[in-house]
Amino acid sequence: QVQLVESGGGSVQAGGSLRLSCAASGRTFSSSTMGWFRQAPGKEREFVAAISWSGAYTYYADSVKGRFTISRDNAKNTVYLQLNSLKPEDTAVYYCAAAKTTARGPVLANSKVYDYWGQGTQVTVSS
């Protein structure tokens, strides 16, 4: 069992930055693939980024590649999402998720792969 709690959301102007954190409880965090998803009002939840259990492999949605960075600190049971060069279209509730899979590539963009989810943190970007 893994429990996830996101933090770090807020309101920023376009071009600004935020760092989201996801604190995990449970002994399986260090062996879990972690992902970030987001959901804007009236839209479906979409994949943002994922990171392997070791941190050696990362995978990003094209829409955030080069602007967002996912990382993790297994000693702190925490995964991060650095959001730079934010745009109004990045406005959404951001969720972290944990998966038991060791898969790589596009499969990590499928929300069904993930077993545990946090409650989300709101990011609002104004123009």
Protein backbone atom coordinates (compact mmCIF):
# COMPACT_ATOMS: atom_id res chain seq x y z
CA GLN A 1 0.00 0.00 0.00
CA VAL A 2 1.29 3.48 -0.92
CA GLN A 3 -0.31 6.74 0.18
CA LEU A 4 0.52 9.87 -1.79
CA VAL A 5 0.18 13.53 -0.81
CA GLU A 6 0.91 16.31 -3.29
CA SER A 7 1.93 19.85 -2.41
CA GLY A 8 3.48 22.92 -3.99
CA GLY A 9 0.68 24.05 -6.26
CA GLY A 10 -0.34 27.67 -6.53
CA SER A 11 -1.01 30.60 -8.82
CA VAL A 12 1.71 32.05 -11.04
CA GLN A 13 1.96 34.24 -14.10
CA ALA A 14 2.89 32.87 -17.48
CA GLY A 15 6.61 32.24 -17.72
CA GLY A 16 6.87 31.50 -14.02
CA SER A 17 7.92 28.35 -12.20
CA LEU A 18 6.64 26.01 -9.51
CA ARG A 19 7.94 22.84 -7.91
CA LEU A 20 5.43 20.19 -6.99
CA SER A 21 6.20 17.54 -4.41
CA CYS A 22 4.59 14.19 -3.78
CA ALA A 23 5.31 12.60 -0.42
CA ALA A 24 4.77 8.87 -0.24
CA SER A 25 4.25 6.55 2.67
CA GLY A 26 4.77 2.83 2.44
CA ARG A 27 7.78 0.57 2.05
CA THR A 28 7.26 0.01 -1.67
CA PHE A 29 7.89 3.61 -2.77
CA SER A 30 11.54 3.05 -3.64
CA SER A 31 10.61 0.19 -5.97
CA SER A 32 7.70 2.00 -7.63
CA THR A 33 7.56 3.79 -10.94
CA MET A 34 6.12 7.24 -10.26
CA GLY A 35 4.09 9.42 -12.56
CA TRP A 36 2.50 12.84 -12.74
CA PHE A 37 -0.81 13.47 -14.48
CA ARG A 38 -2.99 16.55 -14.75
CA GLN A 39 -6.63 17.33 -15.35
CA ALA A 40 -7.97 20.66 -16.54
CA PRO A 41 -11.63 21.65 -16.09
CA GLY A 42 -13.82 19.85 -18.59
CA LYS A 43 -10.96 17.74 -19.90
CA GLU A 44 -9.76 14.20 -19.37
CA ARG A 45 -6.82 13.41 -17.15
CA GLU A 46 -3.60 13.48 -19.16
CA PHE A 47 -0.12 12.16 -18.64
CA VAL A 48 2.69 14.59 -17.83
CA ALA A 49 5.81 12.65 -16.81
CA ALA A 50 7.07 9.41 -15.27
CA ILE A 51 10.25 8.23 -13.58
CA SER A 52 11.61 4.75 -12.91
CA TRP A 53 12.25 3.45 -9.41
CA SER A 54 15.95 4.34 -9.59
CA GLY A 55 15.43 7.69 -11.27
CA ALA A 56 17.60 6.63 -14.19
CA TYR A 57 14.72 6.61 -16.70
CA THR A 58 12.28 9.44 -17.33
CA TYR A 59 9.49 9.86 -19.85
CA TYR A 60 7.59 13.03 -20.74
CA ALA A 61 4.55 14.12 -22.65
CA ASP A 62 5.51 16.13 -25.72
CA SER A 63 3.58 19.12 -24.40
CA VAL A 64 5.91 19.53 -21.40
CA LYS A 65 9.20 18.21 -22.73
CA GLY A 66 11.98 20.74 -22.15
CA ARG A 67 9.89 22.72 -19.64
CA PHE A 68 9.09 20.22 -16.87
CA THR A 69 11.50 17.95 -15.00
CA ILE A 70 10.59 14.93 -12.91
CA SER A 71 12.95 13.69 -10.19
CA ARG A 72 12.82 11.64 -7.02
CA ASP A 73 14.59 11.23 -3.70
CA ASN A 74 14.05 7.71 -2.43
CA ALA A 75 15.67 8.55 0.92
CA LYS A 76 12.88 11.10 1.45
CA ASN A 77 10.13 9.03 -0.18
CA THR A 78 9.38 12.01 -2.41
CA VAL A 79 8.96 12.62 -6.11
CA TYR A 80 9.15 16.12 -7.59
CA LEU A 81 7.93 17.89 -10.68
CA GLN A 82 9.71 21.12 -11.59
CA LEU A 83 7.50 23.27 -13.78
CA ASN A 84 9.28 26.02 -15.74
CA SER A 85 8.14 28.40 -18.48
CA LEU A 86 4.56 27.86 -17.43
CA LYS A 87 1.73 28.61 -19.84
CA PRO A 88 -1.96 29.26 -19.19
CA GLU A 89 -2.73 25.90 -20.78
CA ASP A 90 -0.76 24.21 -17.98
CA THR A 91 -3.54 25.19 -15.58
CA ALA A 92 -4.90 21.99 -14.04
CA VAL A 93 -5.04 19.82 -10.97
CA TYR A 94 -1.81 17.83 -10.86
CA TYR A 95 -1.83 14.28 -9.49
CA CYS A 96 1.00 11.96 -8.64
CA ALA A 97 0.63 8.23 -8.99
CA ALA A 98 2.58 5.08 -8.19
CA ALA A 99 2.87 1.94 -10.29
CA LYS A 100 4.35 -1.49 -9.66
CA THR A 101 5.36 -1.80 -13.30
CA THR A 102 8.93 -1.73 -14.57
CA ALA A 103 7.76 -0.93 -18.08
CA ARG A 104 9.28 1.83 -20.20
CA GLY A 105 7.93 4.10 -22.90
CA PRO A 106 4.41 5.05 -23.95
CA VAL A 107 2.73 2.50 -21.69
CA LEU A 108 3.61 4.79 -18.78
CA ALA A 109 1.20 7.38 -20.19
CA ASN A 110 -1.73 5.05 -19.52
CA SER A 111 -3.39 5.91 -16.21
CA LYS A 112 -4.55 2.31 -15.83
CA VAL A 113 -0.95 1.25 -15.23
CA TYR A 114 -0.90 3.13 -11.92
CA ASP A 115 -2.11 1.53 -8.71
CA TYR A 116 -2.16 4.43 -6.26
CA TRP A 117 -3.11 8.09 -6.64
CA GLY A 118 -2.85 11.26 -4.61
CA GLN A 119 -5.61 13.82 -4.13
CA GLY A 120 -4.05 16.43 -6.38
CA THR A 121 -2.73 19.97 -6.13
CA GLN A 122 -4.03 22.94 -8.13
CA VAL A 123 -1.77 24.85 -10.51
CA THR A 124 -3.15 28.05 -12.02
CA VAL A 125 -1.23 30.02 -14.64
CA SER A 126 -2.48 33.46 -15.60
CA SER A 127 -1.59 35.30 -18.80
